[in-house]
Protein backbone atom coordinates (compact mmCIF):
# COMPACT_ATOMS: atom_id res chain seq x y z
CA MET A 1 -108.53 62.39 -97.23
CA SER A 2 -106.14 65.19 -99.37
CA ALA A 3 -107.37 65.95 -102.48
CA ARG A 4 -103.72 66.50 -103.34
CA THR A 5 -102.63 67.26 -107.37
CA ARG A 6 -99.59 68.29 -108.34
CA SER A 7 -99.00 67.80 -111.89
CA VAL A 8 -96.96 69.50 -114.89
CA VAL A 9 -96.88 69.69 -118.59
CA LEU A 10 -94.45 71.30 -120.91
CA VAL A 11 -95.40 74.08 -122.86
CA GLY A 12 -94.12 73.94 -126.65
CA ALA A 13 -93.92 76.48 -129.63
CA LEU A 14 -96.93 79.21 -129.44
CA THR A 15 -98.56 79.80 -132.84
CA GLY A 16 -100.48 82.66 -133.37
CA GLU A 17 -101.66 85.83 -130.43
CA ARG A 18 -100.12 85.09 -127.04
CA LYS A 19 -102.98 84.77 -125.03
CA ALA A 20 -102.81 86.38 -121.11
CA THR A 21 -104.80 86.79 -117.93
CA HIS A 22 -104.12 89.81 -116.06
CA THR A 23 -104.56 90.27 -112.71
CA GLY A 24 -108.78 92.15 -112.74
CA GLY A 25 -108.72 91.88 -115.90
CA HIS A 26 -105.70 95.27 -116.65
CA ARG A 27 -104.40 94.85 -119.82
CA VAL A 28 -100.25 95.24 -120.01
CA ILE A 29 -99.52 98.59 -121.25
CA GLN A 30 -95.80 98.29 -122.37
CA PRO A 31 -95.19 94.66 -123.61
CA ASP A 32 -91.20 94.95 -122.40
CA LYS A 33 -93.21 94.42 -119.11
CA LEU A 34 -93.93 90.99 -119.73
CA LEU A 35 -93.47 87.90 -118.27
CA PRO A 36 -91.29 85.32 -120.11
CA LEU A 37 -93.29 82.34 -121.83
CA ALA A 38 -93.54 79.68 -120.05
CA ASP A 39 -91.89 76.46 -120.81
CA VAL A 40 -93.69 74.49 -118.26
CA LEU A 41 -97.40 74.58 -116.36
CA LEU A 42 -97.34 73.09 -112.55
CA ILE A 43 -100.92 72.84 -110.92
CA VAL A 44 -100.87 72.26 -107.28
CA ALA A 45 -104.28 71.68 -105.43
CA ASP A 46 -103.69 70.61 -101.57
CA ASP A 47 -106.45 70.98 -99.07
CA GLU A 48 -106.74 74.51 -98.99
CA PRO A 49 -109.43 75.91 -101.63
CA GLY A 50 -109.13 76.51 -105.51
CA VAL A 51 -105.77 75.34 -107.58
CA MET A 52 -103.67 77.45 -108.35
CA LEU A 53 -101.83 77.46 -111.94
CA PHE A 54 -98.06 78.41 -111.76
CA ARG A 55 -96.06 79.00 -115.06
CA TYR A 56 -92.18 78.72 -115.28
CA THR A 57 -89.08 78.77 -117.56
CA THR A 58 -86.58 76.08 -117.86
CA TYR A 59 -84.56 78.50 -115.60
CA GLY A 60 -86.94 78.83 -112.83
CA GLU A 61 -88.21 82.08 -113.76
CA SER A 62 -91.89 82.80 -112.45
CA ALA A 63 -94.00 83.20 -115.95
CA GLY A 64 -96.94 84.17 -113.91
CA ASP A 65 -100.01 82.15 -112.17
CA THR A 66 -104.09 82.25 -111.74
CA TRP A 67 -106.20 80.73 -109.41
CA HIS A 68 -109.08 78.44 -110.15
CA ALA A 69 -111.53 77.05 -107.96
CA THR A 70 -110.77 72.87 -109.56
CA VAL A 71 -107.99 71.35 -111.22
CA ASP A 72 -110.30 70.83 -114.02
CA GLU A 73 -110.74 74.43 -114.36
CA ALA A 74 -107.03 75.12 -114.16
CA ARG A 75 -106.87 72.43 -117.03
CA ALA A 76 -109.44 74.17 -119.29
CA HIS A 77 -107.55 77.83 -118.51
CA ALA A 78 -104.19 76.26 -119.36
CA GLU A 79 -105.88 74.40 -122.78
CA TYR A 80 -107.33 78.07 -123.57
CA GLU A 81 -103.80 79.75 -123.30
CA TYR A 82 -101.65 77.54 -124.74
CA GLY A 83 -103.75 75.29 -126.77
CA ASN A 84 -101.60 72.70 -129.16
CA ALA A 85 -98.45 74.43 -127.34
CA LEU A 86 -99.42 72.04 -124.99
CA ILE A 87 -96.59 68.97 -125.56
CA LEU A 88 -96.99 65.39 -123.97
CA PRO A 89 -100.08 64.49 -121.27
CA TRP A 90 -99.92 65.88 -118.16
CA MET A 91 -97.52 63.81 -115.58
CA ASP A 92 -98.14 64.08 -111.46
CA VAL A 93 -95.24 65.01 -110.00
CA PRO A 94 -93.20 62.21 -107.97
CA GLU A 95 -94.98 61.63 -104.11
CA ASP A 96 -91.44 61.87 -103.23
CA VAL A 97 -90.85 65.44 -104.53
CA ALA A 98 -90.45 67.67 -101.47
CA ASP A 99 -90.74 71.25 -104.04
CA PRO A 100 -92.94 70.55 -106.80
CA HIS A 101 -91.62 73.95 -108.38
CA MET A 102 -88.39 73.08 -108.52
CA PHE A 103 -88.88 69.99 -109.73
CA ALA A 104 -91.49 71.19 -112.85
CA ALA A 105 -88.40 73.81 -114.36
CA LYS A 106 -86.03 71.07 -114.12
CA TYR A 107 -88.57 68.55 -115.60
CA ALA A 108 -88.84 71.36 -118.21
CA LEU A 109 -84.99 71.73 -118.92
CA ASP A 110 -84.63 67.80 -119.06
CA ARG A 111 -87.00 67.18 -121.63
CA LEU A 112 -86.94 70.03 -123.13
CA ASN A 113 -83.11 69.74 -123.90
CA ASP A 114 -83.62 65.75 -125.18
CA ARG A 115 -86.38 67.35 -127.50
CA GLY A 116 -87.67 64.94 -130.38
CA ARG A 117 -85.86 61.71 -128.03
CA TRP A 118 -88.96 61.04 -126.36
C-alpha cells in the first residue's frame, strides 16, 4: 500500500516578520538573495522516506523547499512558517494529475485571481 500524499494550500498576506528556514541553519546575509514569497505550498510524500514541503509562486517560481519526517511534521512546519496566512484548508491534488508542482502553481494562480469569490 502506498503512503502517497500530495496536497496544496494557499498562502495569503503575511503579517509580522517573515520566517524562513535555511539550509544548515545558515542566515541569509543579503536580503536581496531571499527566495520569493510563496503563494502556495505543496506537500509530496510517496514511497520514499520523508516528506517534501515545496513553496511556489503563482508563476511557478520556487520559493524554497524543506524535508520533513512525516506529513504531520510538514504541516506543522507550514503552520509555524506561515501561521494565519494559510488560507482555505489543505486540498488533495487529484489522483489523475501527473505533475503536482505545475498543478500547485496553476491552482494558486486560478484561486488567487478569484480572491473574494470563494
